[in-house]
Amino acid sequence: MAKKRYSVTLSESIIKPEFLYSKNGSATFECRELISQDTIGSKEIVVFRAVFGPKEAHSKHRHTKCDEIVHCIAGRGVEGVEIEPGVYKEFVYVPGTTMYLPKGTGHYTRNPDNFDNLLLIGIFTGVPDMDKNTTGYESCGDITEKEKVLQ
């Protein structure tokens, strides 16, 4: 019988290539699975850690198969949320802010800061991993300059 695991260290987390961006040889965005089926055997919840470097963003998208909860640990960021079809409203992340993004809600995340990283911890409910086809990831396009109202 396999021994049950109850904790995961950052070094045991998983980074998948589609969740790692880099510029000039330096990582500007990474998203790691901390708790998932692959790391600890969880089949119904994923906990992830996302780090956005200065001026980095994750484009507009939605998850059709899970809810997403995101909590800001450090830095200052922006979450754009689709409040009606094709219309996004920006909300500020500061440490202690938590966002709830119900299944199917269009959203994007960006770090408007010039110097500091944005560190987020997130949860996907009802799925075993954060693979795009598992979460029902659908791209909704790039963030437009007009949508960037918070600096």
C-alpha atoms as a PDB file:
ATOM      1  CA  MET A   1       0.000   0.000   0.000  1.00  0.00           C
ATOM      2  CA  ALA A   2       1.407   3.373  -1.028  1.00  0.00           C
ATOM      3  CA  LYS A   3       2.068   5.850   1.740  1.00  0.00           C
ATOM      4  CA  LYS A   4      -0.327   8.830   1.707  1.00  0.00           C
ATOM      5  CA  ARG A   5       1.207  12.256   1.290  1.00  0.00           C
ATOM      6  CA  TYR A   6      -0.115  15.304   3.073  1.00  0.00           C
ATOM      7  CA  SER A   7       2.383  18.021   2.110  1.00  0.00           C
ATOM      8  CA  VAL A   8       4.398  19.195  -0.872  1.00  0.00           C
ATOM      9  CA  THR A   9       7.471  21.411  -0.933  1.00  0.00           C
ATOM     10  CA  LEU A  10       8.068  23.965  -3.674  1.00  0.00           C
ATOM     11  CA  SER A  11      10.827  21.751  -5.100  1.00  0.00           C
ATOM     12  CA  GLU A  12       8.284  18.906  -5.477  1.00  0.00           C
ATOM     13  CA  SER A  13       5.819  21.080  -7.392  1.00  0.00           C
ATOM     14  CA  ILE A  14       5.286  20.745 -11.145  1.00  0.00           C
ATOM     15  CA  ILE A  15       5.867  23.430 -13.787  1.00  0.00           C
ATOM     16  CA  LYS A  16       4.388  22.623 -17.186  1.00  0.00           C
ATOM     17  CA  PRO A  17       5.931  24.304 -20.270  1.00  0.00           C
ATOM     18  CA  GLU A  18       2.724  26.165 -21.218  1.00  0.00           C
ATOM     19  CA  PHE A  19       2.855  27.914 -17.819  1.00  0.00           C
ATOM     20  CA  LEU A  20       6.413  29.236 -18.096  1.00  0.00           C
ATOM     21  CA  TYR A  21       7.163  32.459 -19.985  1.00  0.00           C
ATOM     22  CA  SER A  22      10.613  33.945 -20.440  1.00  0.00           C
ATOM     23  CA  LYS A  23      12.276  36.949 -22.026  1.00  0.00           C
ATOM     24  CA  ASN A  24      16.013  37.241 -22.687  1.00  0.00           C
ATOM     25  CA  GLY A  25      16.694  34.017 -20.794  1.00  0.00           C
ATOM     26  CA  SER A  26      14.891  35.068 -17.588  1.00  0.00           C
ATOM     27  CA  ALA A  27      11.556  33.684 -16.384  1.00  0.00           C
ATOM     28  CA  THR A  28       8.834  36.365 -16.380  1.00  0.00           C
ATOM     29  CA  PHE A  29       5.901  34.102 -15.446  1.00  0.00           C
ATOM     30  CA  GLU A  30       5.656  30.685 -13.874  1.00  0.00           C
ATOM     31  CA  CYS A  31       2.740  28.726 -12.564  1.00  0.00           C
ATOM     32  CA  ARG A  32       3.403  25.609 -10.459  1.00  0.00           C
ATOM     33  CA  GLU A  33       1.033  22.847  -9.390  1.00  0.00           C
ATOM     34  CA  LEU A  34       1.496  22.458  -5.650  1.00  0.00           C
ATOM     35  CA  ILE A  35      -1.423  20.149  -4.878  1.00  0.00           C
ATOM     36  CA  SER A  36      -2.689  18.007  -7.778  1.00  0.00           C
ATOM     37  CA  GLN A  37      -3.114  14.413  -8.816  1.00  0.00           C
ATOM     38  CA  ASP A  38       0.492  14.325 -10.039  1.00  0.00           C
ATOM     39  CA  THR A  39       2.052  15.866  -6.922  1.00  0.00           C
ATOM     40  CA  ILE A  40       0.049  14.379  -4.073  1.00  0.00           C
ATOM     41  CA  GLY A  41      -2.820  12.312  -5.515  1.00  0.00           C
ATOM     42  CA  SER A  42      -5.599  14.915  -5.285  1.00  0.00           C
ATOM     43  CA  LYS A  43      -8.369  14.207  -7.793  1.00  0.00           C
ATOM     44  CA  GLU A  44     -10.815  17.030  -7.044  1.00  0.00           C
ATOM     45  CA  ILE A  45      -8.736  20.122  -6.280  1.00  0.00           C
ATOM     46  CA  VAL A  46      -5.617  21.828  -7.577  1.00  0.00           C
ATOM     47  CA  VAL A  47      -3.625  24.391  -5.625  1.00  0.00           C
ATOM     48  CA  PHE A  48      -1.172  26.425  -7.684  1.00  0.00           C
ATOM     49  CA  ARG A  49       1.406  29.171  -7.193  1.00  0.00           C
ATOM     50  CA  ALA A  50       1.778  31.844  -9.871  1.00  0.00           C
ATOM     51  CA  VAL A  51       4.535  34.452 -10.087  1.00  0.00           C
ATOM     52  CA  PHE A  52       4.173  37.346 -12.539  1.00  0.00           C
ATOM     53  CA  GLY A  53       7.308  39.368 -13.185  1.00  0.00           C
ATOM     54  CA  PRO A  54       7.109  43.145 -13.704  1.00  0.00           C
ATOM     55  CA  LYS A  55       4.767  44.102 -16.583  1.00  0.00           C
ATOM     56  CA  GLU A  56       3.870  40.426 -17.255  1.00  0.00           C
ATOM     57  CA  ALA A  57       0.317  39.278 -18.023  1.00  0.00           C
ATOM     58  CA  HIS A  58      -1.760  36.180 -18.727  1.00  0.00           C
ATOM     59  CA  SER A  59      -4.183  36.929 -21.579  1.00  0.00           C
ATOM     60  CA  LYS A  60      -7.970  36.794 -21.485  1.00  0.00           C
ATOM     61  CA  HIS A  61      -9.371  33.294 -21.004  1.00  0.00           C
ATOM     62  CA  ARG A  62     -12.020  31.258 -19.202  1.00  0.00           C
ATOM     63  CA  HIS A  63     -12.240  27.811 -17.605  1.00  0.00           C
ATOM     64  CA  THR A  64     -15.411  25.952 -18.578  1.00  0.00           C
ATOM     65  CA  LYS A  65     -14.887  22.937 -16.303  1.00  0.00           C
ATOM     66  CA  CYS A  66     -13.948  24.452 -12.925  1.00  0.00           C
ATOM     67  CA  ASP A  67     -14.224  27.405 -10.579  1.00  0.00           C
ATOM     68  CA  GLU A  68     -11.036  29.330  -9.787  1.00  0.00           C
ATOM     69  CA  ILE A  69     -10.124  31.077  -6.551  1.00  0.00           C
ATOM     70  CA  VAL A  70      -7.033  33.307  -6.451  1.00  0.00           C
ATOM     71  CA  HIS A  71      -5.392  34.898  -3.391  1.00  0.00           C
ATOM     72  CA  CYS A  72      -2.683  37.576  -3.490  1.00  0.00           C
ATOM     73  CA  ILE A  73       0.323  36.851  -1.275  1.00  0.00           C
ATOM     74  CA  ALA A  74       2.699  39.628  -2.374  1.00  0.00           C
ATOM     75  CA  GLY A  75       2.963  42.476  -4.849  1.00  0.00           C
ATOM     76  CA  ARG A  76       0.226  44.424  -6.560  1.00  0.00           C
ATOM     77  CA  GLY A  77      -1.689  43.192  -9.575  1.00  0.00           C
ATOM     78  CA  VAL A  78      -4.838  43.469 -11.634  1.00  0.00           C
ATOM     79  CA  GLU A  79      -7.552  40.921 -12.410  1.00  0.00           C
ATOM     80  CA  GLY A  80      -9.770  41.782 -15.347  1.00  0.00           C
ATOM     81  CA  VAL A  81     -13.167  40.068 -15.026  1.00  0.00           C
ATOM     82  CA  GLU A  82     -15.771  39.761 -17.789  1.00  0.00           C
ATOM     83  CA  ILE A  83     -18.822  41.423 -16.223  1.00  0.00           C
ATOM     84  CA  GLU A  84     -20.941  41.051 -19.371  1.00  0.00           C
ATOM     85  CA  PRO A  85     -20.120  39.438 -22.733  1.00  0.00           C
ATOM     86  CA  GLY A  86     -16.941  41.061 -24.057  1.00  0.00           C
ATOM     87  CA  VAL A  87     -16.815  43.731 -21.314  1.00  0.00           C
ATOM     88  CA  TYR A  88     -14.066  43.461 -18.680  1.00  0.00           C
ATOM     89  CA  LYS A  89     -13.737  45.349 -15.394  1.00  0.00           C
ATOM     90  CA  GLU A  90     -10.408  45.532 -13.595  1.00  0.00           C
ATOM     91  CA  PHE A  91      -9.984  44.792  -9.884  1.00  0.00           C
ATOM     92  CA  VAL A  92      -6.803  45.426  -7.869  1.00  0.00           C
ATOM     93  CA  TYR A  93      -4.858  42.663  -6.131  1.00  0.00           C
ATOM     94  CA  VAL A  94      -2.939  43.587  -2.990  1.00  0.00           C
ATOM     95  CA  PRO A  95      -1.758  41.148  -0.323  1.00  0.00           C
ATOM     96  CA  GLY A  96      -4.847  39.646   1.301  1.00  0.00           C
ATOM     97  CA  THR A  97      -7.170  40.113  -1.704  1.00  0.00           C
ATOM     98  CA  THR A  98      -9.045  36.998  -2.834  1.00  0.00           C
ATOM     99  CA  MET A  99     -10.934  36.685  -6.140  1.00  0.00           C
ATOM    100  CA  TYR A 100     -13.627  34.123  -6.959  1.00  0.00           C
ATOM    101  CA  LEU A 101     -13.997  33.311 -10.660  1.00  0.00           C
ATOM    102  CA  PRO A 102     -16.977  30.993 -11.263  1.00  0.00           C
ATOM    103  CA  LYS A 103     -16.815  28.393 -14.024  1.00  0.00           C
ATOM    104  CA  GLY A 104     -17.067  30.072 -17.443  1.00  0.00           C
ATOM    105  CA  THR A 105     -16.080  33.588 -16.271  1.00  0.00           C
ATOM    106  CA  GLY A 106     -13.714  35.355 -18.668  1.00  0.00           C
ATOM    107  CA  HIS A 107     -10.697  36.882 -16.922  1.00  0.00           C
ATOM    108  CA  TYR A 108      -7.068  37.927 -17.210  1.00  0.00           C
ATOM    109  CA  THR A 109      -4.268  38.728 -14.785  1.00  0.00           C
ATOM    110  CA  ARG A 110      -1.511  41.275 -15.148  1.00  0.00           C
ATOM    111  CA  ASN A 111       1.253  42.860 -13.096  1.00  0.00           C
ATOM    112  CA  PRO A 112       1.384  46.606 -13.864  1.00  0.00           C
ATOM    113  CA  ASP A 113       4.415  47.184 -11.621  1.00  0.00           C
ATOM    114  CA  ASN A 114       7.783  48.127 -13.101  1.00  0.00           C
ATOM    115  CA  PHE A 115       9.904  46.475 -10.411  1.00  0.00           C
ATOM    116  CA  ASP A 116       8.123  44.001  -8.117  1.00  0.00           C
ATOM    117  CA  ASN A 117       6.752  40.519  -8.755  1.00  0.00           C
ATOM    118  CA  LEU A 118       3.116  39.577  -8.170  1.00  0.00           C
ATOM    119  CA  LEU A 119       2.723  36.335  -6.184  1.00  0.00           C
ATOM    120  CA  LEU A 120      -0.634  34.532  -6.216  1.00  0.00           C
ATOM    121  CA  ILE A 121      -1.909  31.254  -4.775  1.00  0.00           C
ATOM    122  CA  GLY A 122      -4.869  29.765  -6.620  1.00  0.00           C
ATOM    123  CA  ILE A 123      -7.290  26.871  -6.497  1.00  0.00           C
ATOM    124  CA  PHE A 124      -9.159  25.032  -9.252  1.00  0.00           C
ATOM    125  CA  THR A 125     -12.141  23.034  -7.951  1.00  0.00           C
ATOM    126  CA  GLY A 126     -13.327  19.658  -9.221  1.00  0.00           C
ATOM    127  CA  VAL A 127     -10.310  18.865 -11.424  1.00  0.00           C
ATOM    128  CA  PRO A 128      -7.134  16.771 -10.871  1.00  0.00           C
ATOM    129  CA  ASP A 129      -4.613  19.058 -12.620  1.00  0.00           C
ATOM    130  CA  MET A 130      -4.315  22.423 -14.312  1.00  0.00           C
ATOM    131  CA  ASP A 131      -3.853  21.148 -17.852  1.00  0.00           C
ATOM    132  CA  LYS A 132      -5.745  23.376 -20.251  1.00  0.00           C
ATOM    133  CA  ASN A 133      -8.031  20.609 -21.528  1.00  0.00           C
ATOM    134  CA  THR A 134      -8.770  19.421 -17.964  1.00  0.00           C
ATOM    135  CA  THR A 135      -9.870  22.912 -16.806  1.00  0.00           C
ATOM    136  CA  GLY A 136     -11.710  23.671 -20.052  1.00  0.00           C
ATOM    137  CA  TYR A 137      -9.340  26.529 -20.875  1.00  0.00           C
ATOM    138  CA  GLU A 138     -10.608  28.740 -23.695  1.00  0.00           C
ATOM    139  CA  SER A 139      -8.627  31.714 -24.969  1.00  0.00           C
ATOM    140  CA  CYS A 140     -10.590  34.981 -25.198  1.00  0.00           C
ATOM    141  CA  GLY A 141      -7.887  37.075 -26.896  1.00  0.00           C
ATOM    142  CA  ASP A 142      -5.304  39.626 -25.897  1.00  0.00           C
ATOM    143  CA  ILE A 143      -5.765  42.339 -23.284  1.00  0.00           C
ATOM    144  CA  THR A 144      -6.333  45.644 -25.073  1.00  0.00           C
ATOM    145  CA  GLU A 145      -4.783  48.933 -23.998  1.00  0.00           C
ATOM    146  CA  LYS A 146      -8.318  50.314 -23.551  1.00  0.00           C
ATOM    147  CA  GLU A 147      -9.045  47.575 -20.975  1.00  0.00           C
ATOM    148  CA  LYS A 148      -5.967  48.487 -18.904  1.00  0.00           C
ATOM    149  CA  VAL A 149      -7.586  51.150 -16.751  1.00  0.00           C
ATOM    150  CA  LEU A 150      -5.710  50.419 -13.484  1.00  0.00           C
ATOM    151  CA  GLN A 151      -2.005  51.204 -13.254  1.00  0.00           C
END
